[in-house]
Structure formats: structure tokens, C-alpha cells
Amino acid sequence: MDLAEQHPMELRNTIIMETGGMKG
């Protein structure tokens, strides 16, 4: 989320996979 807010960009060849972990 920090990366998305600070450095938005168009990605055509990238998979983003989240692993959870927002708590706290």
C-alpha cells in the first residue's frame, strides 16, 4: 500500500502478490 500510494505506475509484465500483514 505504501508503494502504491507513493509510486503509482503502469505495470504490464508484473504479478503483485500480497501475503497479508496489515495488522498494527
mmCIF file of all heavy atoms, coordinates in Angstrom:
data_MODEL
# 
_entry.id   MODEL 
# 
loop_
_atom_site.group_PDB 
_atom_site.id 
_atom_site.type_symbol 
_atom_site.label_atom_id 
_atom_site.label_alt_id 
_atom_site.label_comp_id 
_atom_site.label_asym_id 
_atom_site.label_entity_id 
_atom_site.label_seq_id 
_atom_site.pdbx_PDB_ins_code 
_atom_site.Cartn_x 
_atom_site.Cartn_y 
_atom_site.Cartn_z 
_atom_site.occupancy 
_atom_site.B_iso_or_equiv 
_atom_site.pdbx_formal_charge 
_atom_site.auth_seq_id 
_atom_site.auth_comp_id 
_atom_site.auth_asym_id 
_atom_site.auth_atom_id 
_atom_site.pdbx_PDB_model_num 
ATOM 1   N N   . MET A 1 1  ? 0.838  -1.206  0.000   1.00 0.00 ? 1  MET A N   1 
ATOM 2   C CA  . MET A 1 1  ? 0.000  0.000   0.000   1.00 0.00 ? 1  MET A CA  1 
ATOM 3   C C   . MET A 1 1  ? 0.873  1.257   0.000   1.00 0.00 ? 1  MET A C   1 
ATOM 4   O O   . MET A 1 1  ? 0.572  2.231   -0.701  1.00 0.00 ? 1  MET A O   1 
ATOM 5   C CB  . MET A 1 1  ? -0.931 -0.009  1.206   1.00 0.00 ? 1  MET A CB  1 
ATOM 6   C CG  . MET A 1 1  ? -2.165 -0.868  1.024   1.00 0.00 ? 1  MET A CG  1 
ATOM 7   S SD  . MET A 1 1  ? -3.278 -0.204  -0.257  1.00 0.00 ? 1  MET A SD  1 
ATOM 8   C CE  . MET A 1 1  ? -3.856 1.302   0.547   1.00 0.00 ? 1  MET A CE  1 
ATOM 9   N N   . ASP A 1 2  ? 1.964  1.248   0.766   1.00 0.00 ? 2  ASP A N   1 
ATOM 10  C CA  . ASP A 1 2  ? 2.891  2.389   0.757   1.00 0.00 ? 2  ASP A CA  1 
ATOM 11  C C   . ASP A 1 2  ? 3.462  2.594   -0.641  1.00 0.00 ? 2  ASP A C   1 
ATOM 12  O O   . ASP A 1 2  ? 3.531  3.721   -1.149  1.00 0.00 ? 2  ASP A O   1 
ATOM 13  C CB  . ASP A 1 2  ? 4.040  2.147   1.744   1.00 0.00 ? 2  ASP A CB  1 
ATOM 14  C CG  . ASP A 1 2  ? 3.600  2.231   3.199   1.00 0.00 ? 2  ASP A CG  1 
ATOM 15  O OD1 . ASP A 1 2  ? 2.499  2.761   3.462   1.00 0.00 ? 2  ASP A OD1 1 
ATOM 16  O OD2 . ASP A 1 2  ? 4.351  1.740   4.077   1.00 0.00 ? 2  ASP A OD2 1 
ATOM 17  N N   . LEU A 1 3  ? 3.861  1.503   -1.282  1.00 0.00 ? 3  LEU A N   1 
ATOM 18  C CA  . LEU A 1 3  ? 4.410  1.589   -2.636  1.00 0.00 ? 3  LEU A CA  1 
ATOM 19  C C   . LEU A 1 3  ? 3.359  2.114   -3.609  1.00 0.00 ? 3  LEU A C   1 
ATOM 20  O O   . LEU A 1 3  ? 3.649  2.972   -4.462  1.00 0.00 ? 3  LEU A O   1 
ATOM 21  C CB  . LEU A 1 3  ? 4.905  0.208   -3.081  1.00 0.00 ? 3  LEU A CB  1 
ATOM 22  C CG  . LEU A 1 3  ? 5.550  0.123   -4.463  1.00 0.00 ? 3  LEU A CG  1 
ATOM 23  C CD1 . LEU A 1 3  ? 6.887  0.869   -4.486  1.00 0.00 ? 3  LEU A CD1 1 
ATOM 24  C CD2 . LEU A 1 3  ? 5.753  -1.342  -4.880  1.00 0.00 ? 3  LEU A CD2 1 
ATOM 25  N N   . ALA A 1 4  ? 2.136  1.637   -3.474  1.00 0.00 ? 4  ALA A N   1 
ATOM 26  C CA  . ALA A 1 4  ? 1.061  2.062   -4.370  1.00 0.00 ? 4  ALA A CA  1 
ATOM 27  C C   . ALA A 1 4  ? 0.762  3.546   -4.229  1.00 0.00 ? 4  ALA A C   1 
ATOM 28  O O   . ALA A 1 4  ? 0.523  4.243   -5.219  1.00 0.00 ? 4  ALA A O   1 
ATOM 29  C CB  . ALA A 1 4  ? -0.198 1.234   -4.093  1.00 0.00 ? 4  ALA A CB  1 
ATOM 30  N N   . GLU A 1 5  ? 0.764  4.042   -3.006  1.00 0.00 ? 5  GLU A N   1 
ATOM 31  C CA  . GLU A 1 5  ? 0.450  5.457   -2.759  1.00 0.00 ? 5  GLU A CA  1 
ATOM 32  C C   . GLU A 1 5  ? 1.580  6.376   -3.183  1.00 0.00 ? 5  GLU A C   1 
ATOM 33  O O   . GLU A 1 5  ? 1.340  7.473   -3.710  1.00 0.00 ? 5  GLU A O   1 
ATOM 34  C CB  . GLU A 1 5  ? 0.132  5.657   -1.289  1.00 0.00 ? 5  GLU A CB  1 
ATOM 35  C CG  . GLU A 1 5  ? -1.184 5.009   -0.858  1.00 0.00 ? 5  GLU A CG  1 
ATOM 36  C CD  . GLU A 1 5  ? -1.417 5.083   0.633   1.00 0.00 ? 5  GLU A CD  1 
ATOM 37  O OE1 . GLU A 1 5  ? -0.524 5.553   1.379   1.00 0.00 ? 5  GLU A OE1 1 
ATOM 38  O OE2 . GLU A 1 5  ? -2.501 4.657   1.072   1.00 0.00 ? 5  GLU A OE2 1 
ATOM 39  N N   . GLN A 1 6  ? 2.814  5.949   -2.978  1.00 0.00 ? 6  GLN A N   1 
ATOM 40  C CA  . GLN A 1 6  ? 3.966  6.818   -3.233  1.00 0.00 ? 6  GLN A CA  1 
ATOM 41  C C   . GLN A 1 6  ? 4.521  6.697   -4.652  1.00 0.00 ? 6  GLN A C   1 
ATOM 42  O O   . GLN A 1 6  ? 5.122  7.648   -5.159  1.00 0.00 ? 6  GLN A O   1 
ATOM 43  C CB  . GLN A 1 6  ? 5.076  6.509   -2.223  1.00 0.00 ? 6  GLN A CB  1 
ATOM 44  C CG  . GLN A 1 6  ? 4.682  6.779   -0.777  1.00 0.00 ? 6  GLN A CG  1 
ATOM 45  C CD  . GLN A 1 6  ? 5.724  6.288   0.208   1.00 0.00 ? 6  GLN A CD  1 
ATOM 46  O OE1 . GLN A 1 6  ? 6.922  6.281   -0.094  1.00 0.00 ? 6  GLN A OE1 1 
ATOM 47  N NE2 . GLN A 1 6  ? 5.302  5.879   1.399   1.00 0.00 ? 6  GLN A NE2 1 
ATOM 48  N N   . HIS A 1 7  ? 4.287  5.539   -5.291  1.00 0.00 ? 7  HIS A N   1 
ATOM 49  C CA  . HIS A 1 7  ? 4.903  5.318   -6.610  1.00 0.00 ? 7  HIS A CA  1 
ATOM 50  C C   . HIS A 1 7  ? 3.952  4.591   -7.559  1.00 0.00 ? 7  HIS A C   1 
ATOM 51  O O   . HIS A 1 7  ? 4.268  3.507   -8.059  1.00 0.00 ? 7  HIS A O   1 
ATOM 52  C CB  . HIS A 1 7  ? 6.199  4.505   -6.455  1.00 0.00 ? 7  HIS A CB  1 
ATOM 53  C CG  . HIS A 1 7  ? 7.213  5.129   -5.561  1.00 0.00 ? 7  HIS A CG  1 
ATOM 54  N ND1 . HIS A 1 7  ? 8.060  6.137   -5.973  1.00 0.00 ? 7  HIS A ND1 1 
ATOM 55  C CD2 . HIS A 1 7  ? 7.497  4.897   -4.245  1.00 0.00 ? 7  HIS A CD2 1 
ATOM 56  C CE1 . HIS A 1 7  ? 8.833  6.490   -4.960  1.00 0.00 ? 7  HIS A CE1 1 
ATOM 57  N NE2 . HIS A 1 7  ? 8.512  5.752   -3.904  1.00 0.00 ? 7  HIS A NE2 1 
ATOM 58  N N   . PRO A 1 8  ? 2.800  5.166   -7.850  1.00 0.00 ? 8  PRO A N   1 
ATOM 59  C CA  . PRO A 1 8  ? 1.901  4.508   -8.810  1.00 0.00 ? 8  PRO A CA  1 
ATOM 60  C C   . PRO A 1 8  ? 2.544  4.461   -10.189 1.00 0.00 ? 8  PRO A C   1 
ATOM 61  O O   . PRO A 1 8  ? 3.292  5.368   -10.573 1.00 0.00 ? 8  PRO A O   1 
ATOM 62  C CB  . PRO A 1 8  ? 0.648  5.391   -8.783  1.00 0.00 ? 8  PRO A CB  1 
ATOM 63  C CG  . PRO A 1 8  ? 1.144  6.729   -8.327  1.00 0.00 ? 8  PRO A CG  1 
ATOM 64  C CD  . PRO A 1 8  ? 2.267  6.457   -7.370  1.00 0.00 ? 8  PRO A CD  1 
ATOM 65  N N   . MET A 1 9  ? 2.254  3.389   -10.926 1.00 0.00 ? 9  MET A N   1 
ATOM 66  C CA  . MET A 1 9  ? 2.813  3.233   -12.273 1.00 0.00 ? 9  MET A CA  1 
ATOM 67  C C   . MET A 1 9  ? 2.030  2.154   -13.006 1.00 0.00 ? 9  MET A C   1 
ATOM 68  O O   . MET A 1 9  ? 1.345  1.347   -12.379 1.00 0.00 ? 9  MET A O   1 
ATOM 69  C CB  . MET A 1 9  ? 4.298  2.838   -12.190 1.00 0.00 ? 9  MET A CB  1 
ATOM 70  C CG  . MET A 1 9  ? 4.520  1.448   -11.603 1.00 0.00 ? 9  MET A CG  1 
ATOM 71  S SD  . MET A 1 9  ? 6.256  1.039   -11.305 1.00 0.00 ? 9  MET A SD  1 
ATOM 72  C CE  . MET A 1 9  ? 6.483  1.793   -9.684  1.00 0.00 ? 9  MET A CE  1 
ATOM 73  N N   . GLU A 1 10 ? 2.133  2.137   -14.310 1.00 0.00 ? 10 GLU A N   1 
ATOM 74  C CA  . GLU A 1 10 ? 1.503  1.082   -15.099 1.00 0.00 ? 10 GLU A CA  1 
ATOM 75  C C   . GLU A 1 10 ? 2.476  -0.087  -15.230 1.00 0.00 ? 10 GLU A C   1 
ATOM 76  O O   . GLU A 1 10 ? 3.609  0.094   -15.694 1.00 0.00 ? 10 GLU A O   1 
ATOM 77  C CB  . GLU A 1 10 ? 1.128  1.607   -16.488 1.00 0.00 ? 10 GLU A CB  1 
ATOM 78  C CG  . GLU A 1 10 ? 0.003  2.625   -16.490 1.00 0.00 ? 10 GLU A CG  1 
ATOM 79  C CD  . GLU A 1 10 ? -1.355 2.004   -16.174 1.00 0.00 ? 10 GLU A CD  1 
ATOM 80  O OE1 . GLU A 1 10 ? -1.623 0.885   -16.657 1.00 0.00 ? 10 GLU A OE1 1 
ATOM 81  O OE2 . GLU A 1 10 ? -2.131 2.643   -15.449 1.00 0.00 ? 10 GLU A OE2 1 
ATOM 82  N N   . LEU A 1 11 ? 2.021  -1.262  -14.834 1.00 0.00 ? 11 LEU A N   1 
ATOM 83  C CA  . LEU A 1 11 ? 2.847  -2.466  -14.941 1.00 0.00 ? 11 LEU A CA  1 
ATOM 84  C C   . LEU A 1 11 ? 2.159  -3.471  -15.860 1.00 0.00 ? 11 LEU A C   1 
ATOM 85  O O   . LEU A 1 11 ? 1.013  -3.853  -15.615 1.00 0.00 ? 11 LEU A O   1 
ATOM 86  C CB  . LEU A 1 11 ? 3.076  -3.082  -13.559 1.00 0.00 ? 11 LEU A CB  1 
ATOM 87  C CG  . LEU A 1 11 ? 3.891  -2.241  -12.563 1.00 0.00 ? 11 LEU A CG  1 
ATOM 88  C CD1 . LEU A 1 11 ? 3.907  -2.896  -11.193 1.00 0.00 ? 11 LEU A CD1 1 
ATOM 89  C CD2 . LEU A 1 11 ? 5.323  -2.039  -13.067 1.00 0.00 ? 11 LEU A CD2 1 
ATOM 90  N N   . ARG A 1 12 ? 2.875  -3.901  -16.900 1.00 0.00 ? 12 ARG A N   1 
ATOM 91  C CA  . ARG A 1 12 ? 2.298  -4.826  -17.874 1.00 0.00 ? 12 ARG A CA  1 
ATOM 92  C C   . ARG A 1 12 ? 2.855  -6.239  -17.762 1.00 0.00 ? 12 ARG A C   1 
ATOM 93  O O   . ARG A 1 12 ? 2.264  -7.175  -18.281 1.00 0.00 ? 12 ARG A O   1 
ATOM 94  C CB  . ARG A 1 12 ? 2.546  -4.305  -19.303 1.00 0.00 ? 12 ARG A CB  1 
ATOM 95  C CG  . ARG A 1 12 ? 2.011  -2.906  -19.568 1.00 0.00 ? 12 ARG A CG  1 
ATOM 96  C CD  . ARG A 1 12 ? 2.359  -2.445  -20.979 1.00 0.00 ? 12 ARG A CD  1 
ATOM 97  N NE  . ARG A 1 12 ? 3.796  -2.538  -21.246 1.00 0.00 ? 12 ARG A NE  1 
ATOM 98  C CZ  . ARG A 1 12 ? 4.702  -1.651  -20.856 1.00 0.00 ? 12 ARG A CZ  1 
ATOM 99  N NH1 . ARG A 1 12 ? 4.314  -0.576  -20.171 1.00 0.00 ? 12 ARG A NH1 1 
ATOM 100 N NH2 . ARG A 1 12 ? 5.982  -1.810  -21.140 1.00 0.00 ? 12 ARG A NH2 1 
ATOM 101 N N   . ASN A 1 13 ? 4.010  -6.376  -17.120 1.00 0.00 ? 13 ASN A N   1 
ATOM 102 C CA  . ASN A 1 13 ? 4.693  -7.674  -17.073 1.00 0.00 ? 13 ASN A CA  1 
ATOM 103 C C   . ASN A 1 13 ? 4.972  -8.131  -15.648 1.00 0.00 ? 13 ASN A C   1 
ATOM 104 O O   . ASN A 1 13 ? 5.849  -8.960  -15.419 1.00 0.00 ? 13 ASN A O   1 
ATOM 105 C CB  . ASN A 1 13 ? 6.022  -7.587  -17.845 1.00 0.00 ? 13 ASN A CB  1 
ATOM 106 C CG  . ASN A 1 13 ? 5.825  -7.167  -19.284 1.00 0.00 ? 13 ASN A CG  1 
ATOM 107 O OD1 . ASN A 1 13 ? 5.275  -7.926  -20.082 1.00 0.00 ? 13 ASN A OD1 1 
ATOM 108 N ND2 . ASN A 1 13 ? 6.238  -5.956  -19.623 1.00 0.00 ? 13 ASN A ND2 1 
ATOM 109 N N   . THR A 1 14 ? 4.209  -7.590  -14.709 1.00 0.00 ? 14 THR A N   1 
ATOM 110 C CA  . THR A 1 14 ? 4.469  -7.854  -13.296 1.00 0.00 ? 14 THR A CA  1 
ATOM 111 C C   . THR A 1 14 ? 3.245  -8.447  -12.607 1.00 0.00 ? 14 THR A C   1 
ATOM 112 O O   . THR A 1 14 ? 2.127  -7.976  -12.804 1.00 0.00 ? 14 THR A O   1 
ATOM 113 C CB  . THR A 1 14 ? 4.876  -6.545  -12.569 1.00 0.00 ? 14 THR A CB  1 
ATOM 114 O OG1 . THR A 1 14 ? 6.056  -6.022  -13.185 1.00 0.00 ? 14 THR A OG1 1 
ATOM 115 C CG2 . THR A 1 14 ? 5.160  -6.800  -11.098 1.00 0.00 ? 14 THR A CG2 1 
ATOM 116 N N   . ILE A 1 15 ? 3.484  -9.481  -11.826 1.00 0.00 ? 15 ILE A N   1 
ATOM 117 C CA  . ILE A 1 15 ? 2.478  -10.027 -10.912 1.00 0.00 ? 15 ILE A CA  1 
ATOM 118 C C   . ILE A 1 15 ? 2.775  -9.475  -9.529  1.00 0.00 ? 15 ILE A C   1 
ATOM 119 O O   . ILE A 1 15 ? 3.913  -9.550  -9.049  1.00 0.00 ? 15 ILE A O   1 
ATOM 120 C CB  . ILE A 1 15 ? 2.533  -11.569 -10.871 1.00 0.00 ? 15 ILE A CB  1 
ATOM 121 C CG1 . ILE A 1 15 ? 2.148  -12.166 -12.224 1.00 0.00 ? 15 ILE A CG1 1 
ATOM 122 C CG2 . ILE A 1 15 ? 1.635  -12.117 -9.766  1.00 0.00 ? 15 ILE A CG2 1 
ATOM 123 C CD1 . ILE A 1 15 ? 2.418  -13.660 -12.315 1.00 0.00 ? 15 ILE A CD1 1 
ATOM 124 N N   . ILE A 1 16 ? 1.758  -8.905  -8.887  1.00 0.00 ? 16 ILE A N   1 
ATOM 125 C CA  . ILE A 1 16 ? 1.901  -8.481  -7.493  1.00 0.00 ? 16 ILE A CA  1 
ATOM 126 C C   . ILE A 1 16 ? 1.132  -9.462  -6.620  1.00 0.00 ? 16 ILE A C   1 
ATOM 127 O O   . ILE A 1 16 ? -0.057 -9.712  -6.840  1.00 0.00 ? 16 ILE A O   1 
ATOM 128 C CB  . ILE A 1 16 ? 1.402  -7.044  -7.284  1.00 0.00 ? 16 ILE A CB  1 
ATOM 129 C CG1 . ILE A 1 16 ? 2.324  -6.057  -8.008  1.00 0.00 ? 16 ILE A CG1 1 
ATOM 130 C CG2 . ILE A 1 16 ? 1.337  -6.705  -5.796  1.00 0.00 ? 16 ILE A CG2 1 
ATOM 131 C CD1 . ILE A 1 16 ? 1.979  -4.607  -7.798  1.00 0.00 ? 16 ILE A CD1 1 
ATOM 132 N N   . MET A 1 17 ? 1.826  -10.005 -5.635  1.00 0.00 ? 17 MET A N   1 
ATOM 133 C CA  . MET A 1 17 ? 1.239  -10.995 -4.733  1.00 0.00 ? 17 MET A CA  1 
ATOM 134 C C   . MET A 1 17 ? 1.345  -10.494 -3.288  1.00 0.00 ? 17 MET A C   1 
ATOM 135 O O   . MET A 1 17 ? 2.440  -10.242 -2.798  1.00 0.00 ? 17 MET A O   1 
ATOM 136 C CB  . MET A 1 17 ? 1.973  -12.341 -4.860  1.00 0.00 ? 17 MET A CB  1 
ATOM 137 C CG  . MET A 1 17 ? 1.449  -13.436 -3.939  1.00 0.00 ? 17 MET A CG  1 
ATOM 138 S SD  . MET A 1 17 ? 2.524  -14.912 -3.952  1.00 0.00 ? 17 MET A SD  1 
ATOM 139 C CE  . MET A 1 17 ? 2.318  -15.458 -5.638  1.00 0.00 ? 17 MET A CE  1 
ATOM 140 N N   . GLU A 1 18 ? 0.189  -10.334 -2.643  1.00 0.00 ? 18 GLU A N   1 
ATOM 141 C CA  . GLU A 1 18 ? 0.211  -9.896  -1.244  1.00 0.00 ? 18 GLU A CA  1 
ATOM 142 C C   . GLU A 1 18 ? 0.118  -11.118 -0.334  1.00 0.00 ? 18 GLU A C   1 
ATOM 143 O O   . GLU A 1 18 ? -0.519 -12.119 -0.658  1.00 0.00 ? 18 GLU A O   1 
ATOM 144 C CB  . GLU A 1 18 ? -0.897 -8.881  -0.953  1.00 0.00 ? 18 GLU A CB  1 
ATOM 145 C CG  . GLU A 1 18 ? -2.313 -9.330  -1.265  1.00 0.00 ? 18 GLU A CG  1 
ATOM 146 C CD  . GLU A 1 18 ? -3.019 -9.997  -0.095  1.00 0.00 ? 18 GLU A CD  1 
ATOM 147 O OE1 . GLU A 1 18 ? -2.442 -10.027 1.005   1.00 0.00 ? 18 GLU A OE1 1 
ATOM 148 O OE2 . GLU A 1 18 ? -4.135 -10.497 -0.316  1.00 0.00 ? 18 GLU A OE2 1 
ATOM 149 N N   . THR A 1 19 ? 0.766  -10.981 0.824   1.00 0.00 ? 19 THR A N   1 
ATOM 150 C CA  . THR A 1 19 ? 0.821  -12.091 1.782   1.00 0.00 ? 19 THR A CA  1 
ATOM 151 C C   . THR A 1 19 ? 0.083  -11.775 3.074   1.00 0.00 ? 19 THR A C   1 
ATOM 152 O O   . THR A 1 19 ? 0.270  -12.464 4.079   1.00 0.00 ? 19 THR A O   1 
ATOM 153 C CB  . THR A 1 19 ? 2.282  -12.430 2.127   1.00 0.00 ? 19 THR A CB  1 
ATOM 154 O OG1 . THR A 1 19 ? 2.859  -11.324 2.837   1.00 0.00 ? 19 THR A OG1 1 
ATOM 155 C CG2 . THR A 1 19 ? 3.098  -12.700 0.891   1.00 0.00 ? 19 THR A CG2 1 
ATOM 156 N N   . GLY A 1 20 ? -0.772 -10.722 3.050   1.00 0.00 ? 20 GLY A N   1 
ATOM 157 C CA  . GLY A 1 20 ? -1.406 -10.294 4.295   1.00 0.00 ? 20 GLY A CA  1 
ATOM 158 C C   . GLY A 1 20 ? -0.442 -9.435  5.095   1.00 0.00 ? 20 GLY A C   1 
ATOM 159 O O   . GLY A 1 20 ? 0.572  -8.967  4.588   1.00 0.00 ? 20 GLY A O   1 
ATOM 160 N N   . GLY A 1 21 ? -0.785 -9.196  6.361   1.00 0.00 ? 21 GLY A N   1 
ATOM 161 C CA  . GLY A 1 21 ? 0.153  -8.499  7.231   1.00 0.00 ? 21 GLY A CA  1 
ATOM 162 C C   . GLY A 1 21 ? -0.069 -7.012  7.368   1.00 0.00 ? 21 GLY A C   1 
ATOM 163 O O   . GLY A 1 21 ? 0.877  -6.242  7.415   1.00 0.00 ? 21 GLY A O   1 
ATOM 164 N N   . MET A 1 22 ? -1.325 -6.563  7.433   1.00 0.00 ? 22 MET A N   1 
ATOM 165 C CA  . MET A 1 22 ? -1.630 -5.146  7.637   1.00 0.00 ? 22 MET A CA  1 
ATOM 166 C C   . MET A 1 22 ? -1.686 -4.798  9.126   1.00 0.00 ? 22 MET A C   1 
ATOM 167 O O   . MET A 1 22 ? -1.480 -3.665  9.533   1.00 0.00 ? 22 MET A O   1 
ATOM 168 C CB  . MET A 1 22 ? -2.980 -4.812  6.993   1.00 0.00 ? 22 MET A CB  1 
ATOM 169 C CG  . MET A 1 22 ? -3.296 -3.325  6.931   1.00 0.00 ? 22 MET A CG  1 
ATOM 170 S SD  . MET A 1 22 ? -2.368 -2.477  5.654   1.00 0.00 ? 22 MET A SD  1 
ATOM 171 C CE  . MET A 1 22 ? -3.373 -2.870  4.230   1.00 0.00 ? 22 MET A CE  1 
ATOM 172 N N   . LYS A 1 23 ? -1.931 -5.803  9.952   1.00 0.00 ? 23 LYS A N   1 
ATOM 173 C CA  . LYS A 1 23 ? -2.255 -5.588  11.358  1.00 0.00 ? 23 LYS A CA  1 
ATOM 174 C C   . LYS A 1 23 ? -1.168 -4.783  12.084  1.00 0.00 ? 23 LYS A C   1 
ATOM 175 O O   . LYS A 1 23 ? 0.003  -5.123  12.051  1.00 0.00 ? 23 LYS A O   1 
ATOM 176 C CB  . LYS A 1 23 ? -2.444 -6.932  12.057  1.00 0.00 ? 23 LYS A CB  1 
ATOM 177 C CG  . LYS A 1 23 ? -3.046 -6.834  13.435  1.00 0.00 ? 23 LYS A CG  1 
ATOM 178 C CD  . LYS A 1 23 ? -3.376 -8.216  13.979  1.00 0.00 ? 23 LYS A CD  1 
ATOM 179 C CE  . LYS A 1 23 ? -4.057 -8.127  15.319  1.00 0.00 ? 23 LYS A CE  1 
ATOM 180 N NZ  . LYS A 1 23 ? -4.408 -9.462  15.845  1.00 0.00 ? 23 LYS A NZ  1 
ATOM 181 N N   . GLY A 1 24 ? -1.587 -3.734  12.744  1.00 0.00 ? 24 GLY A N   1 
ATOM 182 C CA  . GLY A 1 24 ? -0.687 -2.935  13.561  1.00 0.00 ? 24 GLY A CA  1 
ATOM 183 C C   . GLY A 1 24 ? 0.153  -1.943  12.775  1.00 0.00 ? 24 GLY A C   1 
ATOM 184 O O   . GLY A 1 24 ? 0.897  -1.166  13.361  1.00 0.00 ? 24 GLY A O   1 
# 
